[in-house]
Amino acid sequence: MRPEESYLLITRYLARQTSPAENERLATWVATSAENEQTFEQLKTVWQHSQTPPTPGATAAALRRLKARPELVGQTLAQAPQPQLRSAKARRYRVAVWALLVLVVAGVGILFYPTSPTTAAYRLARTAAGQQHTLRLPDGSRVTLAPQSQLRYPTRFAARSREVYLEGEAFFEVSKNPHRPFRVHSGALVTRVLGTRFNVDARPGAAQVAVSLVEGRVEVLDQQTTYQLAPGQQLLADRRTGRMYRQPFSADRVTGWRQRQLIFQNEKLADVADQIERLYGVKLVFADTATANVRLWATFRNEPLPQVLAALQEAGPITYRRESHIIYLSTTE
């Protein structure tokens, strides 16, 4: 990336306006060199000490004025001071100049950045239905991926941060390093830790994203707010309403999937079908709403699928018909 492009992308990231793909691109750029990492940290410092961003009305007005004189943006970028990098002081000065330009341009709503995909050294770990996988990250942290999940991570973490990208569900056991925060990007949420054990459930299509802290301390950031969690607390983000809920949770219920354990307490079959499908690699098809609304009180501890289906028969009562990996369910009444 050219300097102005990287600075604009960093500013958009700090303003929490970037997409997951842009976050990956920025993390790759930061990990490329020590100079890039230093630039990121300096811009973050400038951003943290900057004034509150303008209101939408002020931004719109500034944008109209800027559009009326488009030559100002080009002149500003072209005429920006370019001091020689003969010392650390000169380098910091150059970064500060660009940072101020970024803040001005971002303040009036100008967004210009390349969208071409990156070819950086990233690895992708992926699990299928009925499968889970435990892997070690470059810093020694351990991650257990739940079925039908994927984790994208760099082959080498940056010197001052550790960034990974999750789609699905995973349990993290993060190596402690107070100088290198560990961040899990899962859709609109970013979970920040220094060293801890926690579960993130960000399955595509699910109504909620859940971050559940087992040990240590984490910060969860959405587009506007930072939430602190203590051990035994869970943060739920409703994807439909955008509301956030903090509540206690049962570790056995949330992380039991690691031992192929499922615990259902008066829950509708339709609400827990996804867990059964992911764990056993099958698809549940309900004959009608009455079948989908059958409530379950059951605990399965690594039981084979026929035993789980037998338990479902007793819950309804329910009958089932299996055709390969598809299970057709209906009530007997």
Protein backbone atom coordinates (compact mmCIF):
# COMPACT_ATOMS: atom_id res chain seq x y z
CA MET A 1 0.00 0.00 0.00
CA ARG A 2 1.05 3.58 -0.59
CA PRO A 3 1.52 5.59 2.63
CA GLU A 4 -1.66 7.63 2.26
CA GLU A 5 -3.67 4.50 1.56
CA SER A 6 -2.37 2.71 4.62
CA TYR A 7 -2.98 5.75 6.84
CA LEU A 8 -6.56 6.08 5.65
CA LEU A 9 -7.19 2.39 6.21
CA ILE A 10 -5.74 2.62 9.73
CA THR A 11 -7.95 5.61 10.51
CA ARG A 12 -11.05 3.80 9.27
CA TYR A 13 -10.06 0.80 11.42
CA LEU A 14 -9.64 3.00 14.51
CA ALA A 15 -13.06 4.51 13.79
CA ARG A 16 -14.45 0.95 13.53
CA GLN A 17 -15.66 1.48 9.98
CA THR A 18 -13.75 -1.36 8.29
CA SER A 19 -15.09 -4.69 7.09
CA PRO A 20 -13.62 -8.06 8.20
CA ALA A 21 -11.76 -8.29 4.87
CA GLU A 22 -10.23 -4.84 5.42
CA ASN A 23 -9.24 -5.83 8.97
CA GLU A 24 -7.39 -8.83 7.56
CA ARG A 25 -5.68 -6.65 4.97
CA LEU A 26 -4.55 -4.19 7.64
CA ALA A 27 -3.31 -6.94 9.97
CA THR A 28 -1.25 -8.37 7.11
CA TRP A 29 0.24 -4.95 6.36
CA VAL A 30 1.13 -4.39 10.02
CA ALA A 31 2.84 -7.78 10.22
CA THR A 32 4.90 -7.14 7.10
CA SER A 33 7.57 -5.00 8.79
CA ALA A 34 8.55 -3.38 12.07
CA GLU A 35 8.20 0.04 10.43
CA ASN A 36 4.58 -0.68 9.49
CA GLU A 37 3.84 -1.77 13.02
CA GLN A 38 5.44 1.39 14.42
CA THR A 39 3.38 3.51 12.02
CA PHE A 40 0.21 1.80 13.18
CA GLU A 41 1.01 2.40 16.85
CA GLN A 42 1.88 6.08 16.25
CA LEU A 43 -1.31 6.71 14.30
CA LYS A 44 -3.31 4.98 17.01
CA THR A 45 -1.77 7.33 19.58
CA VAL A 46 -2.64 10.37 17.46
CA TRP A 47 -6.16 9.07 16.99
CA GLN A 48 -6.68 8.51 20.71
CA HIS A 49 -5.71 12.10 21.41
CA SER A 50 -7.75 13.57 18.58
CA GLN A 51 -11.00 15.45 19.09
CA THR A 52 -14.41 13.81 18.94
CA PRO A 53 -15.41 13.07 15.32
CA PRO A 54 -17.80 15.58 13.74
CA THR A 55 -21.55 15.02 13.77
CA PRO A 56 -23.19 13.53 10.65
CA GLY A 57 -24.61 16.94 9.75
CA ALA A 58 -21.24 18.63 9.99
CA THR A 59 -19.63 15.83 8.01
CA ALA A 60 -22.20 16.14 5.23
CA ALA A 61 -21.73 19.91 5.05
CA ALA A 62 -17.95 19.55 4.91
CA LEU A 63 -18.25 16.93 2.23
CA ARG A 64 -20.41 19.23 0.09
CA ARG A 65 -17.84 22.00 0.45
CA LEU A 66 -15.02 19.65 -0.44
CA LYS A 67 -16.82 18.30 -3.49
CA ALA A 68 -17.28 21.87 -4.68
CA ARG A 69 -13.47 22.25 -4.67
CA PRO A 70 -12.07 18.79 -5.43
CA GLU A 71 -8.65 20.18 -6.23
CA LEU A 72 -8.09 20.77 -2.49
CA VAL A 73 -7.78 17.09 -1.70
CA GLY A 74 -5.27 16.46 -4.47
CA GLN A 75 -3.26 19.53 -3.52
CA THR A 76 -3.25 18.60 0.13
CA LEU A 77 -1.92 15.14 -0.55
CA ALA A 78 0.52 16.27 -3.21
CA GLN A 79 1.90 19.18 -1.20
CA ALA A 80 2.21 17.41 2.14
CA PRO A 81 5.65 17.92 3.68
CA GLN A 82 8.02 15.02 3.01
CA PRO A 83 10.95 15.34 5.47
CA GLN A 84 13.93 13.06 5.01
CA LEU A 85 13.94 10.02 7.29
CA ARG A 86 17.36 10.68 8.78
CA SER A 87 16.34 10.09 12.38
CA ALA A 88 13.61 8.64 14.53
CA LYS A 89 12.40 12.17 15.22
CA ALA A 90 12.04 12.90 11.50
CA ARG A 91 10.17 9.67 10.98
CA ARG A 92 7.74 10.49 13.77
CA TYR A 93 7.21 13.93 12.26
CA ARG A 94 6.33 12.46 8.89
CA VAL A 95 3.90 10.02 10.47
CA ALA A 96 2.26 12.80 12.46
CA VAL A 97 1.82 14.92 9.32
CA TRP A 98 0.13 12.08 7.50
CA ALA A 99 -1.97 11.27 10.56
CA LEU A 100 -3.34 14.80 10.65
CA LEU A 101 -4.15 14.59 6.94
CA VAL A 102 -5.97 11.34 7.53
CA LEU A 103 -8.00 12.80 10.37
CA VAL A 104 -8.99 15.79 8.23
CA VAL A 105 -9.91 13.70 5.20
CA ALA A 106 -11.75 11.08 7.24
CA GLY A 107 -13.60 13.85 9.09
CA VAL A 108 -15.25 15.07 5.89
CA GLY A 109 -16.19 11.56 4.82
CA ILE A 110 -13.65 10.93 2.04
CA LEU A 111 -13.01 7.18 1.85
CA PHE A 112 -10.44 6.03 -0.67
CA TYR A 113 -8.69 2.73 -0.32
CA PRO A 114 -7.92 -0.23 -2.58
CA THR A 115 -10.17 -3.29 -2.36
CA SER A 116 -7.96 -5.79 -4.14
CA PRO A 117 -7.45 -9.00 -2.13
CA THR A 118 -4.19 -9.54 -0.31
CA THR A 119 -1.85 -12.45 -0.93
CA ALA A 120 -0.19 -12.32 2.48
CA ALA A 121 1.01 -15.39 4.38
CA TYR A 122 -2.16 -16.46 6.14
CA ARG A 123 -3.33 -19.92 7.08
CA LEU A 124 -6.91 -21.14 7.12
CA ALA A 125 -8.02 -23.89 9.49
CA ARG A 126 -11.45 -25.30 8.70
CA THR A 127 -13.67 -28.06 10.13
CA ALA A 128 -16.55 -29.98 8.57
CA ALA A 129 -19.79 -31.07 10.24
CA GLY A 130 -19.10 -33.63 12.95
CA GLN A 131 -15.45 -32.61 13.16
CA GLN A 132 -13.45 -30.48 15.57
CA HIS A 133 -9.80 -29.54 15.36
CA THR A 134 -7.23 -28.20 17.84
CA LEU A 135 -4.32 -26.15 16.55
CA ARG A 136 -1.39 -24.20 17.93
CA LEU A 137 -0.91 -20.61 16.81
CA PRO A 138 2.53 -19.06 16.19
CA ASP A 139 2.60 -17.58 19.73
CA GLY A 140 1.79 -20.90 21.40
CA SER A 141 -1.91 -20.13 21.96
CA ARG A 142 -4.24 -23.08 21.48
CA VAL A 143 -7.53 -22.92 19.60
CA THR A 144 -10.15 -25.66 19.36
CA LEU A 145 -12.45 -25.21 16.38
CA ALA A 146 -16.04 -26.43 16.68
CA PRO A 147 -17.69 -28.25 13.76
CA GLN A 148 -18.39 -26.17 10.65
CA SER A 149 -16.04 -23.37 11.69
CA GLN A 150 -12.94 -21.70 10.29
CA LEU A 151 -10.09 -19.61 11.66
CA ARG A 152 -7.81 -17.39 9.59
CA TYR A 153 -4.47 -16.46 11.18
CA PRO A 154 -1.04 -15.23 10.06
CA THR A 155 1.98 -17.48 9.86
CA ARG A 156 3.77 -14.91 12.01
CA PHE A 157 2.18 -12.46 14.43
CA ALA A 158 3.21 -8.81 14.54
CA ALA A 159 5.55 -7.71 17.31
CA ARG A 160 2.86 -5.76 19.18
CA SER A 161 -0.43 -7.43 18.33
CA ARG A 162 -1.97 -10.81 17.51
CA GLU A 163 -4.95 -10.78 15.14
CA VAL A 164 -7.11 -13.77 14.11
CA TYR A 165 -10.43 -14.00 12.26
CA LEU A 166 -13.16 -16.44 13.23
CA GLU A 167 -16.25 -17.62 11.39
CA GLY A 168 -18.17 -20.16 13.43
CA GLU A 169 -17.30 -21.23 16.97
CA ALA A 170 -14.01 -21.81 18.79
CA PHE A 171 -12.52 -22.11 22.26
CA PHE A 172 -9.37 -20.05 22.84
CA GLU A 173 -6.58 -20.63 25.33
CA VAL A 174 -4.39 -17.58 24.78
CA SER A 175 -0.74 -17.42 25.82
CA LYS A 176 -0.17 -14.48 28.14
CA ASN A 177 1.78 -11.55 26.75
CA PRO A 178 1.00 -8.11 28.23
CA HIS A 179 2.84 -6.38 25.38
CA ARG A 180 0.98 -8.15 22.54
CA PRO A 181 -2.83 -8.02 22.82
CA PHE A 182 -4.66 -10.92 21.19
CA ARG A 183 -7.73 -9.94 19.15
CA VAL A 184 -10.42 -12.22 17.75
CA HIS A 185 -12.38 -10.63 14.91
CA SER A 186 -15.83 -12.21 14.60
CA GLY A 187 -18.10 -10.18 12.37
CA ALA A 188 -18.85 -6.81 13.98
CA LEU A 189 -17.26 -7.79 17.31
CA VAL A 190 -13.60 -7.74 18.32
CA THR A 191 -12.58 -9.63 21.48
CA ARG A 192 -9.34 -8.31 23.00
CA VAL A 193 -7.31 -10.27 25.55
CA LEU A 194 -3.80 -10.53 26.94
CA GLY A 195 -3.99 -14.14 28.11
CA THR A 196 -7.14 -16.06 29.01
CA ARG A 197 -9.59 -18.85 28.18
CA PHE A 198 -12.86 -18.07 26.45
CA ASN A 199 -15.39 -19.26 23.87
CA VAL A 200 -16.60 -17.30 20.83
CA ASP A 201 -19.74 -18.42 19.00
CA ALA A 202 -20.18 -16.46 15.76
CA ARG A 203 -21.90 -18.97 13.51
CA PRO A 204 -23.16 -17.58 10.20
CA GLY A 205 -26.93 -17.23 10.21
CA ALA A 206 -27.27 -17.45 14.00
CA ALA A 207 -29.40 -14.80 15.69
CA GLN A 208 -26.69 -13.95 18.23
CA VAL A 209 -22.93 -13.77 18.62
CA ALA A 210 -21.74 -14.91 22.04
CA VAL A 211 -18.43 -14.32 23.84
CA SER A 212 -18.17 -16.42 27.03
CA LEU A 213 -15.27 -15.92 29.45
CA VAL A 214 -14.07 -18.95 31.42
CA GLU A 215 -10.85 -17.54 32.89
CA GLY A 216 -8.98 -14.23 32.91
CA ARG A 217 -10.42 -11.01 31.50
CA VAL A 218 -11.51 -9.84 28.07
CA GLU A 219 -12.76 -6.70 26.38
CA VAL A 220 -15.36 -6.99 23.64
CA LEU A 221 -15.67 -4.09 21.21
CA ASP A 222 -18.59 -3.41 18.90
CA GLN A 223 -18.93 -0.40 16.62
CA GLN A 224 -19.44 2.03 19.53
CA THR A 225 -18.78 0.52 22.95
CA THR A 226 -16.25 -1.57 24.86
CA TYR A 227 -17.61 -4.21 27.26
CA GLN A 228 -15.58 -5.74 30.09
CA LEU A 229 -16.24 -9.37 31.03
CA ALA A 230 -15.36 -11.20 34.23
CA PRO A 231 -15.02 -15.01 34.48
CA GLY A 232 -18.43 -16.65 34.28
CA GLN A 233 -19.90 -13.79 32.23
CA GLN A 234 -21.15 -13.95 28.67
CA LEU A 235 -21.81 -11.14 26.21
CA LEU A 236 -24.59 -11.71 23.69
CA ALA A 237 -24.90 -9.51 20.59
CA ASP A 238 -28.28 -9.68 18.86
CA ARG A 239 -27.61 -9.47 15.13
CA ARG A 240 -31.14 -8.32 14.32
CA THR A 241 -31.55 -5.52 16.85
CA GLY A 242 -27.92 -4.67 17.60
CA ARG A 243 -28.59 -4.89 21.35
CA MET A 244 -25.96 -6.26 23.73
CA TYR A 245 -26.66 -8.41 26.78
CA ARG A 246 -24.29 -9.36 29.58
CA GLN A 247 -25.27 -12.40 31.66
CA PRO A 248 -23.91 -15.41 33.58
CA PHE A 249 -23.53 -18.70 31.71
CA SER A 250 -22.98 -22.40 32.31
CA ALA A 251 -19.53 -23.48 31.16
CA ASP A 252 -20.76 -27.06 30.68
CA ARG A 253 -23.46 -25.92 28.29
CA VAL A 254 -21.36 -23.42 26.36
CA THR A 255 -18.09 -25.36 26.04
CA GLY A 256 -19.43 -28.90 26.32
CA TRP A 257 -19.08 -29.35 22.56
CA ARG A 258 -15.35 -29.87 23.11
CA GLN A 259 -16.18 -33.23 24.74
CA ARG A 260 -19.07 -33.82 22.31
CA GLN A 261 -21.50 -32.99 25.09
CA LEU A 262 -24.92 -31.41 24.55
CA ILE A 263 -27.14 -30.13 27.37
CA PHE A 264 -30.73 -29.11 26.62
CA GLN A 265 -32.96 -27.67 29.34
CA ASN A 266 -36.56 -27.16 28.22
CA GLU A 267 -35.45 -25.89 24.81
CA LYS A 268 -37.36 -26.16 21.54
CA LEU A 269 -36.10 -28.76 19.13
CA ALA A 270 -35.95 -26.12 16.40
CA ASP A 271 -33.62 -24.00 18.57
CA VAL A 272 -31.13 -26.82 19.24
CA ALA A 273 -31.28 -28.61 15.89
CA ASP A 274 -28.23 -26.71 14.66
CA GLN A 275 -26.11 -28.08 17.50
CA ILE A 276 -27.12 -31.67 16.72
CA GLU A 277 -26.54 -31.13 13.00
CA ARG A 278 -23.06 -29.71 13.46
CA LEU A 279 -21.96 -32.34 15.97
CA TYR A 280 -23.20 -35.37 14.04
CA GLY A 281 -23.03 -34.15 10.44
CA VAL A 282 -26.75 -34.63 9.72
CA LYS A 283 -29.70 -32.48 8.66
CA LEU A 284 -32.94 -32.42 10.71
CA VAL A 285 -36.17 -31.83 8.79
CA PHE A 286 -39.38 -31.15 10.74
CA ALA A 287 -42.74 -32.29 9.42
CA ASP A 288 -44.58 -29.34 10.96
CA THR A 289 -44.43 -26.56 13.56
CA ALA A 290 -45.67 -28.84 16.34
CA THR A 291 -42.63 -31.08 15.83
CA ALA A 292 -40.25 -28.14 15.74
CA ASN A 293 -41.73 -26.82 19.02
CA VAL A 294 -41.24 -30.05 21.00
CA ARG A 295 -39.19 -29.19 24.10
CA LEU A 296 -36.17 -31.17 25.22
CA TRP A 297 -34.76 -31.99 28.64
CA ALA A 298 -31.71 -34.08 27.85
CA THR A 299 -27.96 -34.41 28.26
CA PHE A 300 -25.87 -36.24 25.68
CA ARG A 301 -22.29 -37.10 26.54
CA ASN A 302 -20.61 -38.33 23.37
CA GLU A 303 -23.48 -40.73 22.65
CA PRO A 304 -23.79 -42.16 19.13
CA LEU A 305 -26.43 -40.68 16.85
CA PRO A 306 -28.92 -43.61 17.17
CA GLN A 307 -29.01 -43.10 20.93
CA VAL A 308 -29.67 -39.37 20.47
CA LEU A 309 -32.51 -40.11 18.05
CA ALA A 310 -33.97 -42.61 20.49
CA ALA A 311 -33.99 -39.91 23.17
CA LEU A 312 -35.80 -37.57 20.78
CA GLN A 313 -38.47 -40.20 20.28
CA GLU A 314 -39.20 -40.17 24.00
CA ALA A 315 -39.32 -36.39 24.22
CA GLY A 316 -42.28 -35.81 21.89
CA PRO A 317 -43.18 -38.50 21.41
CA ILE A 318 -41.49 -38.22 18.02
CA THR A 319 -40.94 -40.62 15.15
CA TYR A 320 -38.10 -40.31 12.70
CA ARG A 321 -37.05 -41.65 9.33
CA ARG A 322 -33.43 -41.55 8.25
CA GLU A 323 -32.28 -41.29 4.65
CA SER A 324 -28.49 -41.07 4.51
CA HIS A 325 -27.56 -37.90 6.43
CA ILE A 326 -31.11 -36.46 6.46
CA ILE A 327 -33.37 -37.14 9.48
CA TYR A 328 -37.10 -36.56 8.98
CA LEU A 329 -38.94 -35.90 12.25
CA SER A 330 -42.66 -35.82 13.01
CA THR A 331 -44.91 -36.10 16.06
CA THR A 332 -46.94 -39.25 16.63
CA GLU A 333 -50.10 -37.42 17.66
